[in-house]
């Protein structure tokens, strides 16, 4: 019995200028955001896309105007502009629940990894929450930068601590 190989996912990549450097915005044919990262982490983004989707075709192009406008508005100071964007992720059920919990953290607020784990009903899964946070393919829109250490200090961020610090200050979050 022969198997037809699965069709690859067709994605569009747009490069946007932001105050934090060039951003890579990846959307699907429906305009849902599949990834957002910074150009200096392009290799990481490609690894995550491959891990989540296997085969995919990535074509340079323009994201829908509404998505581009929301990203621009966010960086121009409208810190809730990204809240209405549609995102699609693969990942495990646990990862997707963590990513949904991240989107529920309001701009200007932070949570610890313990609070993040507790918010999905798994208070003992602090390390797993941290790992899921680090596997998030949609930076800024799925705001993994809003997670800090239990003592209020900044902890690792895939885009670098300087970016995390900038994003939190941009959103008006208190920082230790």
C-alpha atoms as a PDB file:
ATOM      1  CA  UNK A   1       0.000   0.000   0.000  1.00  0.00           C
ATOM      2  CA  UNK A   2       1.533   3.332  -0.995  1.00  0.00           C
ATOM      3  CA  UNK A   3       1.017   6.487   0.970  1.00  0.00           C
ATOM      4  CA  UNK A   4       0.581   9.911  -0.488  1.00  0.00           C
ATOM      5  CA  UNK A   5       2.909  12.255   1.355  1.00  0.00           C
ATOM      6  CA  UNK A   6       1.103  14.943   3.321  1.00  0.00           C
ATOM      7  CA  UNK A   7       0.804  18.220   1.530  1.00  0.00           C
ATOM      8  CA  UNK A   8       3.010  20.898   2.952  1.00  0.00           C
ATOM      9  CA  UNK A   9       1.506  23.882   4.695  1.00  0.00           C
ATOM     10  CA  UNK A  10       1.705  27.061   2.637  1.00  0.00           C
ATOM     11  CA  UNK A  11       2.881  30.064   4.663  1.00  0.00           C
ATOM     12  CA  UNK A  12       3.737  33.676   3.842  1.00  0.00           C
ATOM     13  CA  UNK A  13       6.661  35.507   5.408  1.00  0.00           C
ATOM     14  CA  UNK A  14       6.693  39.274   5.723  1.00  0.00           C
ATOM     15  CA  UNK A  15       9.620  41.212   7.143  1.00  0.00           C
ATOM     16  CA  UNK A  16       8.609  44.248   9.185  1.00  0.00           C
ATOM     17  CA  UNK A  17      10.690  47.045  10.652  1.00  0.00           C
ATOM     18  CA  UNK A  18      10.164  47.481  14.407  1.00  0.00           C
ATOM     19  CA  UNK A  19      11.952  49.464  17.123  1.00  0.00           C
ATOM     20  CA  UNK A  20      13.527  46.142  18.169  1.00  0.00           C
ATOM     21  CA  UNK A  21      14.861  45.258  14.742  1.00  0.00           C
ATOM     22  CA  UNK A  22      13.439  43.425  11.785  1.00  0.00           C
ATOM     23  CA  UNK A  23      10.523  41.156  12.708  1.00  0.00           C
ATOM     24  CA  UNK A  24       9.559  38.031  10.783  1.00  0.00           C
ATOM     25  CA  UNK A  25       5.787  37.677  10.556  1.00  0.00           C
ATOM     26  CA  UNK A  26       4.484  34.342   9.243  1.00  0.00           C
ATOM     27  CA  UNK A  27       0.814  33.888   8.315  1.00  0.00           C
ATOM     28  CA  UNK A  28      -1.192  31.106   6.716  1.00  0.00           C
ATOM     29  CA  UNK A  29      -3.578  31.357   3.765  1.00  0.00           C
ATOM     30  CA  UNK A  30      -6.414  32.407   6.113  1.00  0.00           C
ATOM     31  CA  UNK A  31      -4.338  35.258   7.583  1.00  0.00           C
ATOM     32  CA  UNK A  32      -3.809  33.548  10.952  1.00  0.00           C
ATOM     33  CA  UNK A  33      -0.422  34.233  12.505  1.00  0.00           C
ATOM     34  CA  UNK A  34       1.722  31.086  12.713  1.00  0.00           C
ATOM     35  CA  UNK A  35       4.993  32.677  13.859  1.00  0.00           C
ATOM     36  CA  UNK A  36       6.541  35.981  14.842  1.00  0.00           C
ATOM     37  CA  UNK A  37      10.185  36.344  15.691  1.00  0.00           C
ATOM     38  CA  UNK A  38      13.086  38.671  15.084  1.00  0.00           C
ATOM     39  CA  UNK A  39      15.441  38.338  12.129  1.00  0.00           C
ATOM     40  CA  UNK A  40      18.442  37.558  14.320  1.00  0.00           C
ATOM     41  CA  UNK A  41      16.516  34.487  15.542  1.00  0.00           C
ATOM     42  CA  UNK A  42      15.344  33.320  12.117  1.00  0.00           C
ATOM     43  CA  UNK A  43      17.054  29.949  12.486  1.00  0.00           C
ATOM     44  CA  UNK A  44      15.186  29.330  15.764  1.00  0.00           C
ATOM     45  CA  UNK A  45      11.888  30.304  14.133  1.00  0.00           C
ATOM     46  CA  UNK A  46      12.497  27.892  11.255  1.00  0.00           C
ATOM     47  CA  UNK A  47      13.312  25.107  13.731  1.00  0.00           C
ATOM     48  CA  UNK A  48      10.056  25.745  15.623  1.00  0.00           C
ATOM     49  CA  UNK A  49       8.007  25.850  12.410  1.00  0.00           C
ATOM     50  CA  UNK A  50       9.544  22.533  11.320  1.00  0.00           C
ATOM     51  CA  UNK A  51       8.943  20.981  14.746  1.00  0.00           C
ATOM     52  CA  UNK A  52       5.315  22.126  14.771  1.00  0.00           C
ATOM     53  CA  UNK A  53       4.322  21.571  11.144  1.00  0.00           C
ATOM     54  CA  UNK A  54       6.844  19.243   9.559  1.00  0.00           C
ATOM     55  CA  UNK A  55       6.727  20.184   5.900  1.00  0.00           C
ATOM     56  CA  UNK A  56       5.861  23.739   4.989  1.00  0.00           C
ATOM     57  CA  UNK A  57       6.441  26.131   2.126  1.00  0.00           C
ATOM     58  CA  UNK A  58       7.473  29.645   3.156  1.00  0.00           C
ATOM     59  CA  UNK A  59       7.033  32.315   0.496  1.00  0.00           C
ATOM     60  CA  UNK A  60       7.993  35.980   0.860  1.00  0.00           C
ATOM     61  CA  UNK A  61       4.954  38.222   0.617  1.00  0.00           C
ATOM     62  CA  UNK A  62       2.601  40.517   2.465  1.00  0.00           C
ATOM     63  CA  UNK A  63       0.546  39.562   5.490  1.00  0.00           C
ATOM     64  CA  UNK A  64      -3.060  40.779   5.476  1.00  0.00           C
ATOM     65  CA  UNK A  65      -3.304  44.534   6.009  1.00  0.00           C
ATOM     66  CA  UNK A  66      -5.146  44.117   9.316  1.00  0.00           C
ATOM     67  CA  UNK A  67      -2.364  41.953  10.742  1.00  0.00           C
ATOM     68  CA  UNK A  68       0.345  44.365   9.587  1.00  0.00           C
ATOM     69  CA  UNK A  69      -1.624  47.320  10.973  1.00  0.00           C
ATOM     70  CA  UNK A  70      -2.020  45.625  14.367  1.00  0.00           C
ATOM     71  CA  UNK A  71       1.711  44.888  14.638  1.00  0.00           C
ATOM     72  CA  UNK A  72       2.562  48.465  13.633  1.00  0.00           C
ATOM     73  CA  UNK A  73       0.018  49.882  16.084  1.00  0.00           C
ATOM     74  CA  UNK A  74       1.455  47.776  18.919  1.00  0.00           C
ATOM     75  CA  UNK A  75       4.964  49.069  18.350  1.00  0.00           C
ATOM     76  CA  UNK A  76       3.592  52.633  17.980  1.00  0.00           C
ATOM     77  CA  UNK A  77       2.124  52.438  21.489  1.00  0.00           C
ATOM     78  CA  UNK A  78      -1.284  50.714  21.233  1.00  0.00           C
ATOM     79  CA  UNK A  79      -0.301  47.836  23.503  1.00  0.00           C
ATOM     80  CA  UNK A  80      -3.631  46.019  23.085  1.00  0.00           C
ATOM     81  CA  UNK A  81      -3.592  46.140  19.268  1.00  0.00           C
ATOM     82  CA  UNK A  82      -2.450  42.498  19.033  1.00  0.00           C
ATOM     83  CA  UNK A  83      -5.186  41.111  21.288  1.00  0.00           C
ATOM     84  CA  UNK A  84      -7.685  40.517  18.475  1.00  0.00           C
ATOM     85  CA  UNK A  85      -5.319  38.773  16.063  1.00  0.00           C
ATOM     86  CA  UNK A  86      -6.020  35.164  15.186  1.00  0.00           C
ATOM     87  CA  UNK A  87      -3.130  32.810  15.883  1.00  0.00           C
ATOM     88  CA  UNK A  88      -2.768  29.127  15.023  1.00  0.00           C
ATOM     89  CA  UNK A  89      -0.244  26.883  16.644  1.00  0.00           C
ATOM     90  CA  UNK A  90       0.507  23.213  16.649  1.00  0.00           C
ATOM     91  CA  UNK A  91       2.245  21.803  19.719  1.00  0.00           C
ATOM     92  CA  UNK A  92       0.898  19.579  22.440  1.00  0.00           C
ATOM     93  CA  UNK A  93      -2.358  20.204  24.275  1.00  0.00           C
ATOM     94  CA  UNK A  94      -0.310  21.354  27.286  1.00  0.00           C
ATOM     95  CA  UNK A  95       1.738  23.799  25.193  1.00  0.00           C
ATOM     96  CA  UNK A  96      -1.372  25.227  23.556  1.00  0.00           C
ATOM     97  CA  UNK A  97      -3.003  25.697  26.971  1.00  0.00           C
ATOM     98  CA  UNK A  98       0.080  27.584  28.190  1.00  0.00           C
ATOM     99  CA  UNK A  99       0.096  29.735  25.048  1.00  0.00           C
ATOM    100  CA  UNK A 100      -3.603  30.533  25.533  1.00  0.00           C
ATOM    101  CA  UNK A 101      -2.871  31.472  29.160  1.00  0.00           C
ATOM    102  CA  UNK A 102      -0.108  33.791  27.964  1.00  0.00           C
ATOM    103  CA  UNK A 103      -2.589  35.621  25.751  1.00  0.00           C
ATOM    104  CA  UNK A 104      -4.814  36.108  28.801  1.00  0.00           C
ATOM    105  CA  UNK A 105      -2.105  38.122  30.625  1.00  0.00           C
ATOM    106  CA  UNK A 106      -3.020  41.779  30.069  1.00  0.00           C
ATOM    107  CA  UNK A 107      -0.440  44.169  28.653  1.00  0.00           C
ATOM    108  CA  UNK A 108       1.383  45.904  31.483  1.00  0.00           C
ATOM    109  CA  UNK A 109       1.127  42.887  33.780  1.00  0.00           C
ATOM    110  CA  UNK A 110       3.429  39.954  34.420  1.00  0.00           C
ATOM    111  CA  UNK A 111       3.085  36.464  35.852  1.00  0.00           C
ATOM    112  CA  UNK A 112       5.581  34.047  37.339  1.00  0.00           C
ATOM    113  CA  UNK A 113       6.048  30.588  35.845  1.00  0.00           C
ATOM    114  CA  UNK A 114       4.228  29.198  38.906  1.00  0.00           C
ATOM    115  CA  UNK A 115       1.279  31.521  38.355  1.00  0.00           C
ATOM    116  CA  UNK A 116       1.234  30.558  34.669  1.00  0.00           C
ATOM    117  CA  UNK A 117       1.150  26.837  35.518  1.00  0.00           C
ATOM    118  CA  UNK A 118      -1.548  27.402  38.165  1.00  0.00           C
ATOM    119  CA  UNK A 119      -3.662  29.372  35.684  1.00  0.00           C
ATOM    120  CA  UNK A 120      -4.162  26.228  33.598  1.00  0.00           C
ATOM    121  CA  UNK A 121      -4.877  24.039  36.624  1.00  0.00           C
ATOM    122  CA  UNK A 122      -1.408  22.476  36.818  1.00  0.00           C
ATOM    123  CA  UNK A 123       0.315  24.281  39.709  1.00  0.00           C
ATOM    124  CA  UNK A 124       3.086  21.656  39.975  1.00  0.00           C
ATOM    125  CA  UNK A 125       3.995  21.906  36.273  1.00  0.00           C
ATOM    126  CA  UNK A 126       6.204  24.978  36.697  1.00  0.00           C
ATOM    127  CA  UNK A 127       9.131  23.583  34.703  1.00  0.00           C
ATOM    128  CA  UNK A 128       6.855  22.267  31.965  1.00  0.00           C
ATOM    129  CA  UNK A 129       5.218  25.703  31.768  1.00  0.00           C
ATOM    130  CA  UNK A 130       8.663  27.253  31.372  1.00  0.00           C
ATOM    131  CA  UNK A 131       9.565  24.806  28.609  1.00  0.00           C
ATOM    132  CA  UNK A 132       6.274  25.442  26.800  1.00  0.00           C
ATOM    133  CA  UNK A 133       6.851  29.177  27.139  1.00  0.00           C
ATOM    134  CA  UNK A 134      10.241  28.729  25.445  1.00  0.00           C
ATOM    135  CA  UNK A 135       8.704  26.767  22.560  1.00  0.00           C
ATOM    136  CA  UNK A 136       6.199  29.503  21.730  1.00  0.00           C
ATOM    137  CA  UNK A 137       6.544  30.264  18.001  1.00  0.00           C
ATOM    138  CA  UNK A 138       4.591  33.538  18.122  1.00  0.00           C
ATOM    139  CA  UNK A 139       6.595  36.088  20.094  1.00  0.00           C
ATOM    140  CA  UNK A 140       4.964  39.315  21.292  1.00  0.00           C
ATOM    141  CA  UNK A 141       1.434  38.325  20.119  1.00  0.00           C
ATOM    142  CA  UNK A 142       1.551  35.283  22.407  1.00  0.00           C
ATOM    143  CA  UNK A 143       3.333  37.354  25.052  1.00  0.00           C
ATOM    144  CA  UNK A 144       5.895  35.015  26.591  1.00  0.00           C
ATOM    145  CA  UNK A 145       7.853  38.150  27.552  1.00  0.00           C
ATOM    146  CA  UNK A 146       5.263  38.774  30.296  1.00  0.00           C
ATOM    147  CA  UNK A 147       6.537  35.790  32.323  1.00  0.00           C
ATOM    148  CA  UNK A 148       9.151  36.612  34.952  1.00  0.00           C
ATOM    149  CA  UNK A 149      10.874  34.873  37.838  1.00  0.00           C
ATOM    150  CA  UNK A 150       8.997  34.213  41.083  1.00  0.00           C
ATOM    151  CA  UNK A 151      11.101  36.906  42.774  1.00  0.00           C
ATOM    152  CA  UNK A 152      10.131  39.487  40.139  1.00  0.00           C
ATOM    153  CA  UNK A 153      13.377  39.412  38.195  1.00  0.00           C
ATOM    154  CA  UNK A 154      13.616  39.065  34.450  1.00  0.00           C
ATOM    155  CA  UNK A 155      14.393  35.556  33.337  1.00  0.00           C
ATOM    156  CA  UNK A 156      15.373  34.125  29.969  1.00  0.00           C
ATOM    157  CA  UNK A 157      13.657  35.246  26.806  1.00  0.00           C
ATOM    158  CA  UNK A 158      14.272  33.685  23.402  1.00  0.00           C
ATOM    159  CA  UNK A 159      14.580  37.164  21.849  1.00  0.00           C
ATOM    160  CA  UNK A 160      17.103  38.298  24.466  1.00  0.00           C
ATOM    161  CA  UNK A 161      16.669  40.052  27.806  1.00  0.00           C
ATOM    162  CA  UNK A 162      17.148  43.514  26.285  1.00  0.00           C
ATOM    163  CA  UNK A 163      14.105  42.941  24.075  1.00  0.00           C
ATOM    164  CA  UNK A 164      12.131  41.550  26.997  1.00  0.00           C
ATOM    165  CA  UNK A 165      13.013  44.600  29.086  1.00  0.00           C
ATOM    166  CA  UNK A 166      11.983  46.926  26.217  1.00  0.00           C
ATOM    167  CA  UNK A 167       8.669  45.100  25.625  1.00  0.00           C
ATOM    168  CA  UNK A 168       7.731  45.204  29.308  1.00  0.00           C
ATOM    169  CA  UNK A 169       8.634  48.898  29.584  1.00  0.00           C
ATOM    170  CA  UNK A 170       6.715  49.612  26.357  1.00  0.00           C
ATOM    171  CA  UNK A 171       3.642  47.978  27.916  1.00  0.00           C
ATOM    172  CA  UNK A 172       4.071  49.835  31.206  1.00  0.00           C
ATOM    173  CA  UNK A 173       4.907  46.782  33.341  1.00  0.00           C
ATOM    174  CA  UNK A 174       6.807  47.306  36.572  1.00  0.00           C
ATOM    175  CA  UNK A 175      10.239  45.718  36.487  1.00  0.00           C
ATOM    176  CA  UNK A 176      12.601  44.723  39.259  1.00  0.00           C
END
